Protein backbone atom coordinates (compact mmCIF):
# COMPACT_ATOMS: atom_id res chain seq x y z
CA UNK A 1 -53.70 -2.76 -17.82
CA UNK A 2 -53.33 -0.72 -14.65
CA UNK A 3 -50.33 1.73 -14.18
CA UNK A 4 -48.58 0.04 -11.60
CA UNK A 5 -48.74 -3.36 -13.25
CA UNK A 6 -47.02 -1.66 -16.39
CA UNK A 7 -44.41 -0.46 -14.24
CA UNK A 8 -43.64 -3.59 -12.89
CA UNK A 9 -43.91 -5.41 -16.50
CA UNK A 10 -41.55 -2.78 -17.91
CA UNK A 11 -39.14 -2.85 -15.02
CA UNK A 12 -38.60 -6.67 -15.17
CA UNK A 13 -37.79 -5.92 -18.90
CA UNK A 14 -35.52 -3.28 -18.69
CA UNK A 15 -33.49 -4.08 -15.82
CA UNK A 16 -30.10 -2.77 -14.46
CA UNK A 17 -29.47 -1.64 -18.32
CA UNK A 18 -31.91 1.36 -18.03
CA UNK A 19 -29.64 2.68 -15.35
CA UNK A 20 -27.02 3.58 -17.74
CA UNK A 21 -29.31 4.99 -20.54
CA UNK A 22 -28.27 8.84 -20.61
CA UNK A 23 -31.81 10.59 -21.46
CA UNK A 24 -32.74 13.70 -19.84
CA UNK A 25 -35.34 15.67 -21.31
CA UNK A 26 -36.17 19.17 -19.45
CA UNK A 27 -38.18 21.84 -19.67
CA UNK A 28 -37.16 25.31 -18.37
CA UNK A 29 -37.57 25.30 -14.21
CA UNK A 30 -37.88 29.19 -13.69
CA UNK A 31 -35.84 31.62 -11.51
CA UNK A 32 -35.84 29.47 -8.56
CA UNK A 33 -32.60 26.93 -7.59
CA UNK A 34 -33.38 23.36 -6.50
CA UNK A 35 -32.18 23.46 -2.68
CA UNK A 36 -33.72 19.89 -1.82
CA UNK A 37 -35.26 16.86 -3.25
CA UNK A 38 -38.06 14.98 -1.98
CA UNK A 39 -37.93 11.27 -3.18
CA UNK A 40 -40.43 8.24 -3.54
CA UNK A 41 -38.68 5.04 -2.40
CA UNK A 42 -38.18 3.25 -5.64
CA UNK A 43 -35.92 5.78 -7.61
CA UNK A 44 -33.39 4.64 -4.94
CA UNK A 45 -34.84 1.27 -3.41
CA UNK A 46 -34.44 -1.29 -5.75
CA UNK A 47 -37.66 -3.49 -5.67
CA UNK A 48 -36.62 -6.28 -7.86
CA UNK A 49 -35.68 -9.02 -5.44
CA UNK A 50 -39.26 -9.04 -3.87
CA UNK A 51 -40.32 -10.30 -7.17
CA UNK A 52 -37.23 -12.75 -7.42
CA UNK A 53 -38.34 -14.10 -3.96
CA UNK A 54 -41.99 -14.54 -5.46
CA UNK A 55 -40.80 -16.61 -8.52
CA UNK A 56 -38.41 -18.42 -6.28
CA UNK A 57 -41.21 -19.48 -4.04
CA UNK A 58 -43.59 -20.16 -6.62
CA UNK A 59 -41.66 -21.35 -9.78
CA UNK A 60 -43.43 -20.57 -12.94
CA UNK A 61 -46.36 -18.20 -11.30
CA UNK A 62 -44.03 -15.98 -8.97
CA UNK A 63 -44.65 -13.20 -12.17
CA UNK A 64 -48.40 -13.66 -11.96
CA UNK A 65 -48.39 -13.25 -8.50
CA UNK A 66 -45.93 -10.23 -8.34
CA UNK A 67 -48.14 -8.48 -11.15
CA UNK A 68 -51.25 -9.06 -8.94
CA UNK A 69 -49.49 -8.09 -5.93
CA UNK A 70 -48.38 -4.95 -7.27
CA UNK A 71 -51.42 -3.82 -8.89
CA UNK A 72 -53.69 -4.40 -5.83
CA UNK A 73 -50.98 -2.83 -3.31
CA UNK A 74 -51.31 0.32 -4.89
CA UNK A 75 -54.98 0.16 -5.77
CA UNK A 76 -55.58 -0.32 -1.91
CA UNK A 77 -53.41 2.82 -0.98
CA UNK A 78 -55.82 4.88 -3.30
CA UNK A 79 -59.01 3.38 -2.41
CA UNK A 80 -57.97 3.72 1.55
CA UNK A 81 -57.35 7.20 0.98
CA UNK A 82 -60.35 7.98 -0.67
CA UNK A 83 -62.56 6.31 1.88
CA UNK A 84 -60.79 7.89 4.89
CA UNK A 85 -59.92 4.55 6.31
CA UNK A 86 -55.95 4.70 6.00
CA UNK A 87 -53.85 1.95 7.16
CA UNK A 88 -49.92 1.69 6.96
CA UNK A 89 -48.11 0.68 3.73
CA UNK A 90 -46.91 -2.51 5.57
CA UNK A 91 -50.63 -3.59 6.50
CA UNK A 92 -51.78 -2.56 3.02
CA UNK A 93 -48.97 -4.46 1.24
CA UNK A 94 -49.69 -7.90 3.35
CA UNK A 95 -53.40 -7.39 2.57
CA UNK A 96 -52.67 -7.01 -1.19
CA UNK A 97 -50.37 -10.11 -1.02
CA UNK A 98 -53.16 -12.26 0.56
CA UNK A 99 -55.72 -11.14 -1.82
CA UNK A 100 -53.19 -11.89 -4.99
CA UNK A 101 -52.54 -15.37 -4.01
CA UNK A 102 -56.26 -15.84 -3.62
CA UNK A 103 -56.67 -14.12 -7.20
CA UNK A 104 -54.00 -16.36 -9.01
CA UNK A 105 -55.29 -19.16 -7.11
CA UNK A 106 -51.85 -19.85 -5.04
CA UNK A 107 -52.00 -22.00 -1.80
CA UNK A 108 -49.88 -19.74 0.20
CA UNK A 109 -48.91 -20.60 3.70
CA UNK A 110 -48.27 -17.86 6.53
CA UNK A 111 -44.79 -18.82 6.43
CA UNK A 112 -44.46 -18.00 3.04
CA UNK A 113 -46.36 -15.00 3.34
CA UNK A 114 -44.29 -13.98 6.32
CA UNK A 115 -41.17 -14.57 3.89
CA UNK A 116 -42.84 -12.46 1.22
CA UNK A 117 -43.22 -9.46 3.15
CA UNK A 118 -39.96 -9.82 5.20
CA UNK A 119 -38.21 -9.50 1.76
CA UNK A 120 -39.30 -5.51 1.87
CA UNK A 121 -37.05 -5.02 4.99
CA UNK A 122 -34.12 -6.68 2.96
CA UNK A 123 -34.18 -4.15 0.01
CA UNK A 124 -31.14 -2.27 -1.15
CA UNK A 125 -30.44 0.62 -3.23
CA UNK A 126 -29.97 0.79 -6.75
CA UNK A 127 -26.45 0.41 -8.11
CA UNK A 128 -26.25 3.85 -9.44
CA UNK A 129 -27.45 5.38 -6.05
CA UNK A 130 -24.62 5.95 -3.66
CA UNK A 131 -22.54 7.83 -5.71
CA UNK A 132 -25.44 10.23 -7.08
CA UNK A 133 -26.64 10.64 -3.64
CA UNK A 134 -23.19 11.52 -2.36
CA UNK A 135 -22.59 14.08 -5.41
CA UNK A 136 -25.89 15.87 -4.18
CA UNK A 137 -25.13 15.84 -0.54
CA UNK A 138 -21.70 17.22 -1.28
CA UNK A 139 -23.41 19.92 -3.27
CA UNK A 140 -25.75 20.88 -0.15
CA UNK A 141 -28.77 19.60 -1.46
CA UNK A 142 -31.19 18.44 1.25
CA UNK A 143 -32.92 15.32 0.87
CA UNK A 144 -35.47 13.00 2.48
CA UNK A 145 -38.02 10.40 1.59
CA UNK A 146 -41.29 11.36 0.45
CA UNK A 147 -43.06 7.80 0.51
CA UNK A 148 -45.77 5.67 0.88
CA UNK A 149 -43.54 3.06 2.81
CA UNK A 150 -43.22 3.12 6.75
CA UNK A 151 -40.47 4.53 8.30
CA UNK A 152 -39.30 1.15 9.14
CA UNK A 153 -39.29 0.21 5.77
CA UNK A 154 -37.38 3.12 4.88
CA UNK A 155 -35.18 2.80 7.92
CA UNK A 156 -34.32 -0.91 6.58
CA UNK A 157 -33.30 0.12 3.28
CA UNK A 158 -31.12 2.84 4.16
CA UNK A 159 -29.33 0.49 6.50
CA UNK A 160 -29.01 -2.12 4.26
CA UNK A 161 -27.30 0.49 1.37
CA UNK A 162 -25.34 2.07 3.90
CA UNK A 163 -26.74 5.32 3.20
CA UNK A 164 -26.80 6.58 6.79
CA UNK A 165 -26.37 10.28 6.99
CA UNK A 166 -28.09 10.96 3.70
CA UNK A 167 -31.23 11.72 4.25
CA UNK A 168 -33.43 14.02 6.67
CA UNK A 169 -36.19 12.59 8.78
CA UNK A 170 -38.47 10.24 6.58
CA UNK A 171 -41.73 11.73 5.21
CA UNK A 172 -43.95 8.73 5.38
CA UNK A 173 -47.70 8.97 4.39
CA UNK A 174 -48.23 7.53 8.11
CA UNK A 175 -47.86 11.23 9.09
CA UNK A 176 -50.70 12.71 7.26
CA UNK A 177 -52.84 9.71 7.05
CA UNK A 178 -53.10 9.90 3.03
CA UNK A 179 -51.09 8.29 0.47
CA UNK A 180 -49.89 9.66 -2.61
CA UNK A 181 -51.02 11.26 -5.00
CA UNK A 182 -53.29 13.09 -2.21
CA UNK A 183 -52.03 16.86 -2.02
CA UNK A 184 -51.55 16.20 1.80
CA UNK A 185 -48.81 13.87 1.11
CA UNK A 186 -47.11 16.10 -1.31
CA UNK A 187 -47.32 18.87 1.03
CA UNK A 188 -45.12 17.20 3.85
CA UNK A 189 -42.10 18.43 1.84
CA UNK A 190 -42.66 22.21 1.82
CA UNK A 191 -43.49 21.69 5.48
CA UNK A 192 -40.23 19.52 6.23
CA UNK A 193 -37.92 21.61 4.44
CA UNK A 194 -39.26 25.28 5.10
CA UNK A 195 -38.98 26.18 1.32
CA UNK A 196 -41.26 27.06 -1.65
CA UNK A 197 -42.60 24.37 -3.41
CA UNK A 198 -40.37 25.66 -6.51
CA UNK A 199 -37.17 24.89 -4.54
CA UNK A 200 -38.05 21.25 -3.91
CA UNK A 201 -37.53 18.84 -6.67
CA UNK A 202 -39.66 15.78 -6.39
CA UNK A 203 -37.86 12.44 -7.71
CA UNK A 204 -40.70 10.00 -8.86
CA UNK A 205 -40.74 6.45 -10.00
CA UNK A 206 -43.74 5.94 -11.05
CA UNK A 207 -45.45 7.97 -14.02
CA UNK A 208 -48.87 8.58 -11.63
CA UNK A 209 -46.74 9.71 -9.09
CA UNK A 210 -44.56 11.98 -11.36
CA UNK A 211 -47.84 13.43 -12.55
CA UNK A 212 -49.30 13.88 -9.12
CA UNK A 213 -46.08 15.76 -7.93
CA UNK A 214 -46.11 17.92 -11.03
CA UNK A 215 -49.68 18.89 -10.45
CA UNK A 216 -48.92 19.62 -7.10
CA UNK A 217 -46.51 22.13 -8.30
CA UNK A 218 -43.08 20.41 -7.27
CA UNK A 219 -40.36 20.54 -10.27
CA UNK A 220 -40.48 16.95 -11.21
CA UNK A 221 -38.17 14.76 -12.22
CA UNK A 222 -39.28 11.17 -13.31
CA UNK A 223 -36.71 8.29 -13.14
CA UNK A 224 -37.83 6.13 -15.23
CA UNK A 225 -36.05 3.01 -14.76
CA UNK A 226 -38.51 1.01 -16.13
CA UNK A 227 -38.73 2.84 -19.43
CA UNK A 228 -42.50 3.05 -19.28
CA UNK A 229 -44.81 5.13 -21.38
CA UNK A 230 -45.91 8.43 -19.98
CA UNK A 231 -49.22 8.21 -18.17
CA UNK A 232 -52.26 9.88 -20.00
CA UNK A 233 -53.29 12.14 -17.12
CA UNK A 234 -53.00 15.56 -19.11
CA UNK A 235 -49.57 16.63 -17.17
CA UNK A 236 -45.72 15.80 -17.84
CA UNK A 237 -42.75 15.90 -15.48
CA UNK A 238 -40.09 18.56 -16.13
CA UNK A 239 -37.72 16.06 -16.88
CA UNK A 240 -37.18 12.39 -17.63
CA UNK A 241 -33.89 9.92 -17.33
CA UNK A 242 -33.52 6.68 -16.50
CA UNK A 243 -31.16 7.04 -13.48
CA UNK A 244 -30.15 9.06 -10.43
CA UNK A 245 -27.22 10.70 -12.67
CA UNK A 246 -29.82 11.98 -14.96
CA UNK A 247 -31.20 13.65 -11.60
CA UNK A 248 -27.95 15.09 -10.67
CA UNK A 249 -27.86 16.77 -14.14
CA UNK A 250 -31.26 18.16 -13.76
CA UNK A 251 -30.85 19.86 -10.86
CA UNK A 252 -27.69 21.53 -11.95
CA UNK A 253 -24.83 19.90 -9.72
């Protein structure tokens, strides 16, 4: 079973309850203070309405479709980066959806495909996000998304969640034409913030992303909302917690 499929299955099982679990496990970060945070999209953006839409549209088959869709979605990002055939995350997501429907033998109309895709533009933040982000902002922490999402997808989530004014310009992988965990993607944080990597925390949603960011050299916090097991990639994040308040604790605000 792939890392992304496990993430989805654990997320559905864990639900909102994971937000409140007070579990921060940290190692020593060293002398530099965290001055900025680069966020993956999903520590802040709640993806569950996409899966709920799939189940509502295809009762009894939505979970299977969502598993296949999410698995192929991220496999396509890695394959496109490795092969030098970049396409933006919106295109990758749509192509993954078309394939997933065929894989699970669903007859999906163009209208249904469009409705599922549009659900990505209706996503909002997790319930704990606004308060934690405000606390970080008030403490002078600079923040930006460093995400596979397109800028348009991120703009929609920020607008839907009333989070305008929190983030600096989005660091979409479209800028460098390479998806995470390619080092070119992570390097955007250093270039945008103009800081040493030791001063920039990376907040990951997926275990593979936490490993990639840590290997790149960021102090890395895994927002493990899904209560997923750690990936067997030979590297561990600096700390793990179930929600954004744990991240606040991690950066020392």
